[in-house]
Amino acid sequence: MNLSLETVLQCLDVLPIVRENQGITLAELAKRTGLPAKKISDQLIPTLMLCGSPPYMPHDYVNMWLDGDAVYVEFADHFKRPVTLLPIEVTALHLSLTAAARPGEHDETVRERLSLLRHKIEKALPESQRIFLEESSRVSLSDHPDLGSPIIPQIRNAIDRKRKIEIEYLSFGDKTMKRRVVHPHGILVKDGVTYIPCFDENRGHICSFRLDRINEVQLLSDYFSLQPGFSVEEHARDGLTRPSDDDEYEILLEAKGATARYLSESLDQRQWHWQKNDVLAIKLPTSRPHAVVQWAIKNGPDLVVVSPASARNMAIELLKELRREYAE
């Protein structure tokens, strides 16, 4: 059977509602899911009745059926057994529950259930593994697909030997590559992106260079010393977004809807706060306002530049250019 992702997700929406409300009417189920009643009865229920696991005996299937206008579900026997999760799976589940339980996002009953689930996970996880919940910034300091990049061996060599390198780098928002002499201090992966934290001789402090923006690496003969007190782990936790001494601007942005929720999970908590009506206020120190404005536009209409006026006008002009481009 060939199923679209949309159908699969709709089936997953229907299942827990019916499970918690056995005998729910088709009309009520349609209202709660926003799906047409005919689609539920003619497509989703028959699809779910074909879901099972090997060896596909009668007790291995999910059984959902209509009794008149009432909907019921019965799960395969193996669903009755406790689920065993890996620590990283537990962490992912805990993070999802934490995000979903944000005040104002759900009614009181749902918030209480989400809170109980989170506490149940915290209580069940062994003490030695609770660090996964406390330090859950989705950071890896080792393996990642990007680490197969052909320039990684050169960077590792420079890190091990404490040798300076010259890189050809395309900064976000720029159109031309620039050459920089840097002191590579390590390799880290955060939220699926590989970074090389380096001391930049031009800027005079540690910067994070994205691996996918480095075009060329040249090993230099000069050696360097690590910056006092530098730690890759600490840099992974908050160094990527820490304000710099040469940040000349502070740009204020406001986000709403799904964009606000995503940014609240991905940006440093010191950079944002929730306002009334679930509006996320974001403050970004930067020395390159054009890059921040471009980033804001890329996130769509739910993220707007509020101030300063120069940055807001920059966003307006960029949007005018886009409109002219598409009008032609």
C-alpha atoms as a PDB file:
ATOM      1  CA  MET A   1       0.000   0.000   0.000  1.00  0.00           C
ATOM      2  CA  ASN A   2       1.364   3.427  -0.960  1.00  0.00           C
ATOM      3  CA  LEU A   3       0.473   6.052   1.635  1.00  0.00           C
ATOM      4  CA  SER A   4       1.259   9.757   1.580  1.00  0.00           C
ATOM      5  CA  LEU A   5       2.975  11.332   4.574  1.00  0.00           C
ATOM      6  CA  GLU A   6      -0.154  13.434   5.070  1.00  0.00           C
ATOM      7  CA  THR A   7      -2.301  10.290   5.456  1.00  0.00           C
ATOM      8  CA  VAL A   8       0.156   8.753   7.917  1.00  0.00           C
ATOM      9  CA  LEU A   9       0.169  11.906  10.058  1.00  0.00           C
ATOM     10  CA  GLN A  10      -3.639  12.057   9.990  1.00  0.00           C
ATOM     11  CA  CYS A  11      -3.804   8.441  11.185  1.00  0.00           C
ATOM     12  CA  LEU A  12      -1.454   9.335  14.041  1.00  0.00           C
ATOM     13  CA  ASP A  13      -3.718  12.273  14.944  1.00  0.00           C
ATOM     14  CA  VAL A  14      -6.807  10.066  15.067  1.00  0.00           C
ATOM     15  CA  LEU A  15      -5.367   7.158  17.090  1.00  0.00           C
ATOM     16  CA  PRO A  16      -4.762   8.783  20.508  1.00  0.00           C
ATOM     17  CA  ILE A  17      -8.082  10.639  20.430  1.00  0.00           C
ATOM     18  CA  VAL A  18     -10.064   7.439  19.851  1.00  0.00           C
ATOM     19  CA  ARG A  19      -7.961   5.542  22.378  1.00  0.00           C
ATOM     20  CA  GLU A  20      -8.772   8.100  25.098  1.00  0.00           C
ATOM     21  CA  ASN A  21     -12.408   8.429  24.029  1.00  0.00           C
ATOM     22  CA  GLN A  22     -13.661   4.957  23.069  1.00  0.00           C
ATOM     23  CA  GLY A  23     -17.016   5.257  21.308  1.00  0.00           C
ATOM     24  CA  ILE A  24     -16.468   8.859  20.228  1.00  0.00           C
ATOM     25  CA  THR A  25     -18.906   9.787  17.483  1.00  0.00           C
ATOM     26  CA  LEU A  26     -17.616  10.199  13.955  1.00  0.00           C
ATOM     27  CA  ALA A  27     -18.904  13.783  13.906  1.00  0.00           C
ATOM     28  CA  GLU A  28     -17.052  14.664  17.144  1.00  0.00           C
ATOM     29  CA  LEU A  29     -13.860  13.003  15.897  1.00  0.00           C
ATOM     30  CA  ALA A  30     -14.084  15.014  12.681  1.00  0.00           C
ATOM     31  CA  LYS A  31     -14.562  18.208  14.687  1.00  0.00           C
ATOM     32  CA  ARG A  32     -11.597  17.538  16.973  1.00  0.00           C
ATOM     33  CA  THR A  33      -9.201  16.621  14.157  1.00  0.00           C
ATOM     34  CA  GLY A  34     -10.446  19.059  11.540  1.00  0.00           C
ATOM     35  CA  LEU A  35     -10.770  16.188   9.056  1.00  0.00           C
ATOM     36  CA  PRO A  36     -13.872  15.369   6.980  1.00  0.00           C
ATOM     37  CA  ALA A  37     -15.937  12.579   8.546  1.00  0.00           C
ATOM     38  CA  LYS A  38     -16.074  10.758   5.194  1.00  0.00           C
ATOM     39  CA  LYS A  39     -12.270  10.724   4.959  1.00  0.00           C
ATOM     40  CA  ILE A  40     -12.003   9.230   8.452  1.00  0.00           C
ATOM     41  CA  SER A  41     -14.563   6.499   7.745  1.00  0.00           C
ATOM     42  CA  ASP A  42     -13.590   5.693   4.154  1.00  0.00           C
ATOM     43  CA  GLN A  43      -9.785   6.135   4.241  1.00  0.00           C
ATOM     44  CA  LEU A  44      -8.189   6.438   7.677  1.00  0.00           C
ATOM     45  CA  ILE A  45     -10.071   3.663   9.506  1.00  0.00           C
ATOM     46  CA  PRO A  46      -9.484   1.089   6.683  1.00  0.00           C
ATOM     47  CA  THR A  47      -5.807   2.135   6.591  1.00  0.00           C
ATOM     48  CA  LEU A  48      -5.346   1.679  10.333  1.00  0.00           C
ATOM     49  CA  MET A  49      -6.989  -1.753  10.210  1.00  0.00           C
ATOM     50  CA  LEU A  50      -4.133  -2.875   7.918  1.00  0.00           C
ATOM     51  CA  CYS A  51      -1.379  -1.756  10.337  1.00  0.00           C
ATOM     52  CA  GLY A  52       0.400  -4.600  12.107  1.00  0.00           C
ATOM     53  CA  SER A  53       3.728  -6.225  12.817  1.00  0.00           C
ATOM     54  CA  PRO A  54       5.245  -9.608  11.839  1.00  0.00           C
ATOM     55  CA  PRO A  55       4.141 -12.383  11.779  1.00  0.00           C
ATOM     56  CA  TYR A  56       0.830 -10.592  11.042  1.00  0.00           C
ATOM     57  CA  MET A  57      -1.403 -12.836  13.094  1.00  0.00           C
ATOM     58  CA  PRO A  58      -4.810 -11.457  14.140  1.00  0.00           C
ATOM     59  CA  HIS A  59      -3.462 -10.226  17.482  1.00  0.00           C
ATOM     60  CA  ASP A  60      -0.631  -8.323  15.753  1.00  0.00           C
ATOM     61  CA  TYR A  61      -2.888  -5.699  14.141  1.00  0.00           C
ATOM     62  CA  VAL A  62      -4.381  -2.383  15.189  1.00  0.00           C
ATOM     63  CA  ASN A  63      -8.125  -2.817  15.016  1.00  0.00           C
ATOM     64  CA  MET A  64     -10.256   0.303  14.510  1.00  0.00           C
ATOM     65  CA  TRP A  65     -13.921   0.058  13.625  1.00  0.00           C
ATOM     66  CA  LEU A  66     -17.214   1.897  13.360  1.00  0.00           C
ATOM     67  CA  ASP A  67     -20.201   0.689  15.365  1.00  0.00           C
ATOM     68  CA  GLY A  68     -23.016   2.734  13.922  1.00  0.00           C
ATOM     69  CA  ASP A  69     -21.640   6.260  14.378  1.00  0.00           C
ATOM     70  CA  ALA A  70     -19.256   5.335  17.229  1.00  0.00           C
ATOM     71  CA  VAL A  71     -15.506   4.797  16.673  1.00  0.00           C
ATOM     72  CA  TYR A  72     -13.453   2.273  18.659  1.00  0.00           C
ATOM     73  CA  VAL A  73      -9.840   1.114  18.587  1.00  0.00           C
ATOM     74  CA  GLU A  74      -8.031  -1.931  19.954  1.00  0.00           C
ATOM     75  CA  PHE A  75      -4.264  -2.172  19.819  1.00  0.00           C
ATOM     76  CA  ALA A  76      -2.088  -5.168  19.035  1.00  0.00           C
ATOM     77  CA  ASP A  77      -0.927  -7.183  22.045  1.00  0.00           C
ATOM     78  CA  HIS A  78       2.656  -5.934  21.864  1.00  0.00           C
ATOM     79  CA  PHE A  79       1.454  -2.395  22.613  1.00  0.00           C
ATOM     80  CA  LYS A  80       0.578  -3.592  26.109  1.00  0.00           C
ATOM     81  CA  ARG A  81       4.242  -4.270  26.905  1.00  0.00           C
ATOM     82  CA  PRO A  82       6.379  -1.477  28.408  1.00  0.00           C
ATOM     83  CA  VAL A  83       8.318   0.554  25.849  1.00  0.00           C
ATOM     84  CA  THR A  84      12.115   0.560  26.172  1.00  0.00           C
ATOM     85  CA  LEU A  85      13.754   3.794  25.043  1.00  0.00           C
ATOM     86  CA  LEU A  86      17.381   4.777  24.577  1.00  0.00           C
ATOM     87  CA  PRO A  87      18.616   7.778  26.649  1.00  0.00           C
ATOM     88  CA  ILE A  88      18.654  10.031  23.575  1.00  0.00           C
ATOM     89  CA  GLU A  89      15.074   8.965  22.765  1.00  0.00           C
ATOM     90  CA  VAL A  90      14.028   9.779  26.327  1.00  0.00           C
ATOM     91  CA  THR A  91      15.693  13.194  25.993  1.00  0.00           C
ATOM     92  CA  ALA A  92      13.908  13.893  22.702  1.00  0.00           C
ATOM     93  CA  LEU A  93      10.565  12.954  24.227  1.00  0.00           C
ATOM     94  CA  HIS A  94      11.208  15.108  27.292  1.00  0.00           C
ATOM     95  CA  LEU A  95      12.166  18.104  25.119  1.00  0.00           C
ATOM     96  CA  SER A  96       9.024  17.681  23.019  1.00  0.00           C
ATOM     97  CA  LEU A  97       6.805  17.532  26.099  1.00  0.00           C
ATOM     98  CA  THR A  98       8.532  20.612  27.561  1.00  0.00           C
ATOM     99  CA  ALA A  99       7.985  22.589  24.356  1.00  0.00           C
ATOM    100  CA  ALA A 100       4.356  21.480  24.046  1.00  0.00           C
ATOM    101  CA  ALA A 101       3.612  22.439  27.659  1.00  0.00           C
ATOM    102  CA  ARG A 102       4.395  26.135  27.232  1.00  0.00           C
ATOM    103  CA  PRO A 103       1.809  28.200  29.193  1.00  0.00           C
ATOM    104  CA  GLY A 104      -1.020  29.432  27.012  1.00  0.00           C
ATOM    105  CA  GLU A 105      -0.465  26.747  24.392  1.00  0.00           C
ATOM    106  CA  HIS A 106      -3.096  24.258  25.647  1.00  0.00           C
ATOM    107  CA  ASP A 107      -6.040  24.035  27.982  1.00  0.00           C
ATOM    108  CA  GLU A 108      -5.489  23.202  31.649  1.00  0.00           C
ATOM    109  CA  THR A 109      -6.239  19.471  31.315  1.00  0.00           C
ATOM    110  CA  VAL A 110      -3.702  18.980  28.528  1.00  0.00           C
ATOM    111  CA  ARG A 111      -1.045  20.993  30.387  1.00  0.00           C
ATOM    112  CA  GLU A 112      -1.497  18.830  33.489  1.00  0.00           C
ATOM    113  CA  ARG A 113      -1.132  15.618  31.488  1.00  0.00           C
ATOM    114  CA  LEU A 114       2.006  16.871  29.740  1.00  0.00           C
ATOM    115  CA  SER A 115       3.494  17.887  33.089  1.00  0.00           C
ATOM    116  CA  LEU A 116       2.741  14.466  34.606  1.00  0.00           C
ATOM    117  CA  LEU A 117       4.416  12.742  31.665  1.00  0.00           C
ATOM    118  CA  ARG A 118       7.532  14.906  32.017  1.00  0.00           C
ATOM    119  CA  HIS A 119       7.804  14.173  35.748  1.00  0.00           C
ATOM    120  CA  LYS A 120       7.262  10.462  35.097  1.00  0.00           C
ATOM    121  CA  ILE A 121      10.213  10.461  32.662  1.00  0.00           C
ATOM    122  CA  GLU A 122      12.417  12.391  35.108  1.00  0.00           C
ATOM    123  CA  LYS A 123      11.589   9.994  37.938  1.00  0.00           C
ATOM    124  CA  ALA A 124      12.105   6.842  35.859  1.00  0.00           C
ATOM    125  CA  LEU A 125      15.462   7.841  34.366  1.00  0.00           C
ATOM    126  CA  PRO A 126      18.475   6.654  36.426  1.00  0.00           C
ATOM    127  CA  GLU A 127      20.408   9.385  38.224  1.00  0.00           C
ATOM    128  CA  SER A 128      23.495   8.766  36.067  1.00  0.00           C
ATOM    129  CA  GLN A 129      21.521   9.497  32.909  1.00  0.00           C
ATOM    130  CA  ARG A 130      19.647  12.607  34.023  1.00  0.00           C
ATOM    131  CA  ILE A 131      22.411  14.742  32.570  1.00  0.00           C
ATOM    132  CA  PHE A 132      20.725  14.079  29.226  1.00  0.00           C
ATOM    133  CA  LEU A 133      17.778  16.146  30.458  1.00  0.00           C
ATOM    134  CA  GLU A 134      19.863  18.852  32.121  1.00  0.00           C
ATOM    135  CA  GLU A 135      22.318  19.316  29.236  1.00  0.00           C
ATOM    136  CA  SER A 136      19.979  18.773  26.292  1.00  0.00           C
ATOM    137  CA  SER A 137      21.228  21.462  23.903  1.00  0.00           C
ATOM    138  CA  ARG A 138      21.498  18.961  21.038  1.00  0.00           C
ATOM    139  CA  VAL A 139      25.283  19.281  20.806  1.00  0.00           C
ATOM    140  CA  SER A 140      27.715  16.701  19.465  1.00  0.00           C
ATOM    141  CA  LEU A 141      31.478  17.008  19.638  1.00  0.00           C
ATOM    142  CA  SER A 142      32.294  13.963  17.547  1.00  0.00           C
ATOM    143  CA  ASP A 143      30.710  12.153  14.633  1.00  0.00           C
ATOM    144  CA  HIS A 144      28.526  13.882  12.063  1.00  0.00           C
ATOM    145  CA  PRO A 145      28.036  13.470   8.292  1.00  0.00           C
ATOM    146  CA  ASP A 146      29.821  16.793   7.654  1.00  0.00           C
ATOM    147  CA  LEU A 147      32.934  15.377   9.292  1.00  0.00           C
ATOM    148  CA  GLY A 148      33.542  13.429   6.092  1.00  0.00           C
ATOM    149  CA  SER A 149      34.273  16.723   4.351  1.00  0.00           C
ATOM    150  CA  PRO A 150      37.624  16.703   2.490  1.00  0.00           C
ATOM    151  CA  ILE A 151      38.853  19.766   4.415  1.00  0.00           C
ATOM    152  CA  ILE A 152      38.250  18.215   7.850  1.00  0.00           C
ATOM    153  CA  PRO A 153      41.620  16.334   7.903  1.00  0.00           C
ATOM    154  CA  GLN A 154      43.422  19.645   7.282  1.00  0.00           C
ATOM    155  CA  ILE A 155      41.511  21.340  10.088  1.00  0.00           C
ATOM    156  CA  ARG A 156      42.107  18.422  12.485  1.00  0.00           C
ATOM    157  CA  ASN A 157      45.813  18.535  11.651  1.00  0.00           C
ATOM    158  CA  ALA A 158      45.918  22.263  12.396  1.00  0.00           C
ATOM    159  CA  ILE A 159      44.062  21.778  15.691  1.00  0.00           C
ATOM    160  CA  ASP A 160      46.358  18.954  16.824  1.00  0.00           C
ATOM    161  CA  ARG A 161      49.543  20.824  15.895  1.00  0.00           C
ATOM    162  CA  LYS A 162      48.224  24.267  16.946  1.00  0.00           C
ATOM    163  CA  ARG A 163      49.038  25.699  13.540  1.00  0.00           C
ATOM    164  CA  LYS A 164      47.355  28.751  12.078  1.00  0.00           C
ATOM    165  CA  ILE A 165      45.286  28.337   8.920  1.00  0.00           C
ATOM    166  CA  GLU A 166      44.088  30.694   6.218  1.00  0.00           C
ATOM    167  CA  ILE A 167      40.532  30.046   5.111  1.00  0.00           C
ATOM    168  CA  GLU A 168      38.429  31.325   2.250  1.00  0.00           C
ATOM    169  CA  TYR A 169      35.049  31.997   3.847  1.00  0.00           C
ATOM    170  CA  LEU A 170      31.631  33.207   2.739  1.00  0.00           C
ATOM    171  CA  SER A 171      29.897  35.019   5.600  1.00  0.00           C
ATOM    172  CA  PHE A 172      26.120  34.920   5.820  1.00  0.00           C
ATOM    173  CA  GLY A 173      24.644  37.741   3.733  1.00  0.00           C
ATOM    174  CA  ASP A 174      27.851  38.358   1.780  1.00  0.00           C
ATOM    175  CA  LYS A 175      28.215  37.736  -1.939  1.00  0.00           C
ATOM    176  CA  THR A 176      31.993  37.339  -2.121  1.00  0.00           C
ATOM    177  CA  MET A 177      34.495  35.084  -0.348  1.00  0.00           C
ATOM    178  CA  LYS A 178      36.964  36.652   2.071  1.00  0.00           C
ATOM    179  CA  ARG A 179      40.290  35.275   3.277  1.00  0.00           C
ATOM    180  CA  ARG A 180      40.906  35.115   7.022  1.00  0.00           C
ATOM    181  CA  VAL A 181      43.798  33.937   9.176  1.00  0.00           C
ATOM    182  CA  VAL A 182      42.383  31.972  12.122  1.00  0.00           C
ATOM    183  CA  HIS A 183      43.479  29.721  14.994  1.00  0.00           C
ATOM    184  CA  PRO A 184      41.241  26.603  14.990  1.00  0.00           C
ATOM    185  CA  HIS A 185      40.307  25.522  18.530  1.00  0.00           C
ATOM    186  CA  GLY A 186      38.042  22.541  17.830  1.00  0.00           C
ATOM    187  CA  ILE A 187      35.140  21.066  15.900  1.00  0.00           C
ATOM    188  CA  LEU A 188      31.547  20.900  17.110  1.00  0.00           C
ATOM    189  CA  VAL A 189      28.083  20.149  15.786  1.00  0.00           C
ATOM    190  CA  LYS A 190      25.043  22.008  17.056  1.00  0.00           C
ATOM    191  CA  ASP A 191      21.488  21.472  15.768  1.00  0.00           C
ATOM    192  CA  GLY A 192      22.837  19.548  12.781  1.00  0.00           C
ATOM    193  CA  VAL A 193      25.337  22.232  11.687  1.00  0.00           C
ATOM    194  CA  THR A 194      29.116  21.773  11.930  1.00  0.00           C
ATOM    195  CA  TYR A 195      31.132  24.716  13.283  1.00  0.00           C
ATOM    196  CA  ILE A 196      34.860  25.383  13.648  1.00  0.00           C
ATOM    197  CA  PRO A 197      35.430  27.711  16.645  1.00  0.00           C
ATOM    198  CA  CYS A 198      38.507  29.793  15.836  1.00  0.00           C
ATOM    199  CA  PHE A 199      40.301  32.857  17.112  1.00  0.00           C
ATOM    200  CA  ASP A 200      39.932  35.341  14.228  1.00  0.00           C
ATOM    201  CA  GLU A 201      43.004  37.588  13.923  1.00  0.00           C
ATOM    202  CA  ASN A 202      40.930  40.233  12.134  1.00  0.00           C
ATOM    203  CA  ARG A 203      38.184  40.504  14.778  1.00  0.00           C
ATOM    204  CA  GLY A 204      40.373  39.696  17.770  1.00  0.00           C
ATOM    205  CA  HIS A 205      38.160  37.089  19.455  1.00  0.00           C
ATOM    206  CA  ILE A 206      36.730  33.577  19.068  1.00  0.00           C
ATOM    207  CA  CYS A 207      34.247  33.218  16.189  1.00  0.00           C
ATOM    208  CA  SER A 208      32.278  30.205  14.968  1.00  0.00           C
ATOM    209  CA  PHE A 209      32.829  29.423  11.278  1.00  0.00           C
ATOM    210  CA  ARG A 210      30.328  27.108   9.595  1.00  0.00           C
ATOM    211  CA  LEU A 211      32.066  24.240   7.834  1.00  0.00           C
ATOM    212  CA  ASP A 212      29.762  24.436   4.812  1.00  0.00           C
ATOM    213  CA  ARG A 213      30.816  28.073   4.231  1.00  0.00           C
ATOM    214  CA  ILE A 214      34.559  27.326   4.199  1.00  0.00           C
ATOM    215  CA  ASN A 215      35.706  26.966   0.598  1.00  0.00           C
ATOM    216  CA  GLU A 216      39.444  26.463   1.052  1.00  0.00           C
ATOM    217  CA  VAL A 217      41.940  25.799   3.856  1.00  0.00           C
ATOM    218  CA  GLN A 218      45.678  26.480   3.780  1.00  0.00           C
ATOM    219  CA  LEU A 219      47.972  25.331   6.609  1.00  0.00           C
ATOM    220  CA  LEU A 220      50.390  28.096   7.660  1.00  0.00           C
ATOM    221  CA  SER A 221      53.828  27.742   9.225  1.00  0.00           C
ATOM    222  CA  ASP A 222      53.014  29.917  12.264  1.00  0.00           C
ATOM    223  CA  TYR A 223      51.899  28.344  15.552  1.00  0.00           C
ATOM    224  CA  PHE A 224      49.319  29.669  18.016  1.00  0.00           C
ATOM    225  CA  SER A 225      48.364  29.217  21.675  1.00  0.00           C
ATOM    226  CA  LEU A 226      44.845  28.349  22.806  1.00  0.00           C
ATOM    227  CA  GLN A 227      42.809  31.212  24.264  1.00  0.00           C
ATOM    228  CA  PRO A 228      43.001  31.057  28.086  1.00  0.00           C
ATOM    229  CA  GLY A 229      40.020  29.297  29.626  1.00  0.00           C
ATOM    230  CA  PHE A 230      38.550  28.247  26.273  1.00  0.00           C
ATOM    231  CA  SER A 231      36.416  25.098  26.310  1.00  0.00           C
ATOM    232  CA  VAL A 232      34.727  23.561  23.274  1.00  0.00           C
ATOM    233  CA  GLU A 233      31.938  22.259  25.516  1.00  0.00           C
ATOM    234  CA  GLU A 234      31.259  25.721  26.988  1.00  0.00           C
ATOM    235  CA  HIS A 235      31.462  27.319  23.554  1.00  0.00           C
ATOM    236  CA  ALA A 236      28.945  24.782  22.240  1.00  0.00           C
ATOM    237  CA  ARG A 237      26.574  25.667  25.065  1.00  0.00           C
ATOM    238  CA  ASP A 238      26.518  29.461  24.707  1.00  0.00           C
ATOM    239  CA  GLY A 239      29.488  30.732  22.715  1.00  0.00           C
ATOM    240  CA  LEU A 240      27.749  30.604  19.331  1.00  0.00           C
ATOM    241  CA  THR A 241      25.373  33.378  20.341  1.00  0.00           C
ATOM    242  CA  ARG A 242      27.423  35.290  22.910  1.00  0.00           C
ATOM    243  CA  PRO A 243      27.611  39.056  22.157  1.00  0.00           C
ATOM    244  CA  SER A 244      31.002  40.278  20.919  1.00  0.00           C
ATOM    245  CA  ASP A 245      32.898  43.448  21.807  1.00  0.00           C
ATOM    246  CA  ASP A 246      32.640  44.684  18.216  1.00  0.00           C
ATOM    247  CA  ASP A 247      28.860  44.288  17.977  1.00  0.00           C
ATOM    248  CA  GLU A 248      27.724  47.792  17.007  1.00  0.00           C
ATOM    249  CA  TYR A 249      23.980  47.219  16.748  1.00  0.00           C
ATOM    250  CA  GLU A 250      21.179  45.618  18.720  1.00  0.00           C
ATOM    251  CA  ILE A 251      18.306  44.612  16.479  1.00  0.00           C
ATOM    252  CA  LEU A 252      14.861  44.009  17.984  1.00  0.00           C
ATOM    253  CA  LEU A 253      12.574  41.531  16.235  1.00  0.00           C
ATOM    254  CA  GLU A 254       9.142  40.090  17.002  1.00  0.00           C
ATOM    255  CA  ALA A 255       7.923  36.620  16.042  1.00  0.00           C
ATOM    256  CA  LYS A 256       4.570  34.886  16.292  1.00  0.00           C
ATOM    257  CA  GLY A 257       2.961  31.538  15.525  1.00  0.00           C
ATOM    258  CA  ALA A 258       5.056  28.499  14.681  1.00  0.00           C
ATOM    259  CA  THR A 259       8.065  30.718  13.891  1.00  0.00           C
ATOM    260  CA  ALA A 260       8.050  32.092  17.447  1.00  0.00           C
ATOM    261  CA  ARG A 261       7.922  28.633  18.930  1.00  0.00           C
ATOM    262  CA  TYR A 262      10.760  27.376  16.717  1.00  0.00           C
ATOM    263  CA  LEU A 263      12.994  30.356  17.532  1.00  0.00           C
ATOM    264  CA  SER A 264      12.322  30.025  21.276  1.00  0.00           C
ATOM    265  CA  GLU A 265      13.704  26.480  21.043  1.00  0.00           C
ATOM    266  CA  SER A 266      16.711  27.308  18.841  1.00  0.00           C
ATOM    267  CA  LEU A 267      17.979  30.691  20.111  1.00  0.00           C
ATOM    268  CA  ASP A 268      19.837  31.354  23.352  1.00  0.00           C
ATOM    269  CA  GLN A 269      17.307  32.046  26.130  1.00  0.00           C
ATOM    270  CA  ARG A 270      19.106  35.290  26.972  1.00  0.00           C
ATOM    271  CA  GLN A 271      18.137  36.658  23.553  1.00  0.00           C
ATOM    272  CA  TRP A 272      14.352  36.512  23.820  1.00  0.00           C
ATOM    273  CA  HIS A 273      11.307  36.758  26.084  1.00  0.00           C
ATOM    274  CA  TRP A 274       7.585  36.144  25.653  1.00  0.00           C
ATOM    275  CA  GLN A 275       5.243  39.139  25.418  1.00  0.00           C
ATOM    276  CA  LYS A 276       1.452  39.288  25.517  1.00  0.00           C
ATOM    277  CA  ASN A 277      -0.534  37.386  22.875  1.00  0.00           C
ATOM    278  CA  ASP A 278       2.296  34.815  22.509  1.00  0.00           C
ATOM    279  CA  VAL A 279       4.601  37.250  20.709  1.00  0.00           C
ATOM    280  CA  LEU A 280       8.314  36.452  21.022  1.00  0.00           C
ATOM    281  CA  ALA A 281      10.542  39.535  21.422  1.00  0.00           C
ATOM    282  CA  ILE A 282      14.106  38.896  20.224  1.00  0.00           C
ATOM    283  CA  LYS A 283      17.216  41.057  20.742  1.00  0.00           C
ATOM    284  CA  LEU A 284      20.217  40.235  18.549  1.00  0.00           C
ATOM    285  CA  PRO A 285      23.528  42.090  19.051  1.00  0.00           C
ATOM    286  CA  THR A 286      25.436  42.187  15.753  1.00  0.00           C
ATOM    287  CA  SER A 287      28.135  43.965  13.809  1.00  0.00           C
ATOM    288  CA  ARG A 288      26.463  42.948  10.518  1.00  0.00           C
ATOM    289  CA  PRO A 289      22.845  44.189  10.522  1.00  0.00           C
ATOM    290  CA  HIS A 290      22.354  43.354   6.854  1.00  0.00           C
ATOM    291  CA  ALA A 291      22.897  39.652   7.582  1.00  0.00           C
ATOM    292  CA  VAL A 292      20.390  39.705  10.478  1.00  0.00           C
ATOM    293  CA  VAL A 293      17.775  41.454   8.312  1.00  0.00           C
ATOM    294  CA  GLN A 294      18.265  38.888   5.539  1.00  0.00           C
ATOM    295  CA  TRP A 295      17.894  36.098   8.094  1.00  0.00           C
ATOM    296  CA  ALA A 296      14.659  37.665   9.386  1.00  0.00           C
ATOM    297  CA  ILE A 297      13.187  37.883   5.881  1.00  0.00           C
ATOM    298  CA  LYS A 298      14.143  34.284   5.203  1.00  0.00           C
ATOM    299  CA  ASN A 299      11.995  33.216   8.170  1.00  0.00           C
ATOM    300  CA  GLY A 300       8.840  34.575   6.514  1.00  0.00           C
ATOM    301  CA  PRO A 301       6.054  36.986   7.506  1.00  0.00           C
ATOM    302  CA  ASP A 302       5.800  35.772  11.108  1.00  0.00           C
ATOM    303  CA  LEU A 303       9.181  37.378  11.953  1.00  0.00           C
ATOM    304  CA  VAL A 304       9.431  41.173  11.634  1.00  0.00           C
ATOM    305  CA  VAL A 305      12.198  43.711  12.261  1.00  0.00           C
ATOM    306  CA  VAL A 306      11.008  46.256  14.844  1.00  0.00           C
ATOM    307  CA  SER A 307      14.027  48.477  15.486  1.00  0.00           C
ATOM    308  CA  PRO A 308      16.301  50.322  14.991  1.00  0.00           C
ATOM    309  CA  ALA A 309      14.716  52.332  12.183  1.00  0.00           C
ATOM    310  CA  SER A 310      17.750  51.788   9.955  1.00  0.00           C
ATOM    311  CA  ALA A 311      17.368  48.001  10.175  1.00  0.00           C
ATOM    312  CA  ARG A 312      13.590  48.166   9.620  1.00  0.00           C
ATOM    313  CA  ASN A 313      14.083  50.398   6.566  1.00  0.00           C
ATOM    314  CA  MET A 314      16.694  47.954   5.293  1.00  0.00           C
ATOM    315  CA  ALA A 315      14.111  45.145   5.553  1.00  0.00           C
ATOM    316  CA  ILE A 316      11.518  47.272   3.721  1.00  0.00           C
ATOM    317  CA  GLU A 317      13.943  48.004   0.881  1.00  0.00           C
ATOM    318  CA  LEU A 318      14.921  44.345   0.542  1.00  0.00           C
ATOM    319  CA  LEU A 319      11.258  43.333   0.384  1.00  0.00           C
ATOM    320  CA  LYS A 320      10.618  46.000  -2.263  1.00  0.00           C
ATOM    321  CA  GLU A 321      13.447  44.539  -4.321  1.00  0.00           C
ATOM    322  CA  LEU A 322      11.925  41.082  -3.996  1.00  0.00           C
ATOM    323  CA  ARG A 323       8.523  42.392  -5.037  1.00  0.00           C
ATOM    324  CA  ARG A 324       9.991  44.112  -8.122  1.00  0.00           C
ATOM    325  CA  GLU A 325      11.863  40.930  -8.989  1.00  0.00           C
ATOM    326  CA  TYR A 326       8.726  38.810  -8.892  1.00  0.00           C
ATOM    327  CA  ALA A 327       6.600  41.453 -10.603  1.00  0.00           C
ATOM    328  CA  GLU A 328       8.823  41.193 -13.659  1.00  0.00           C
END
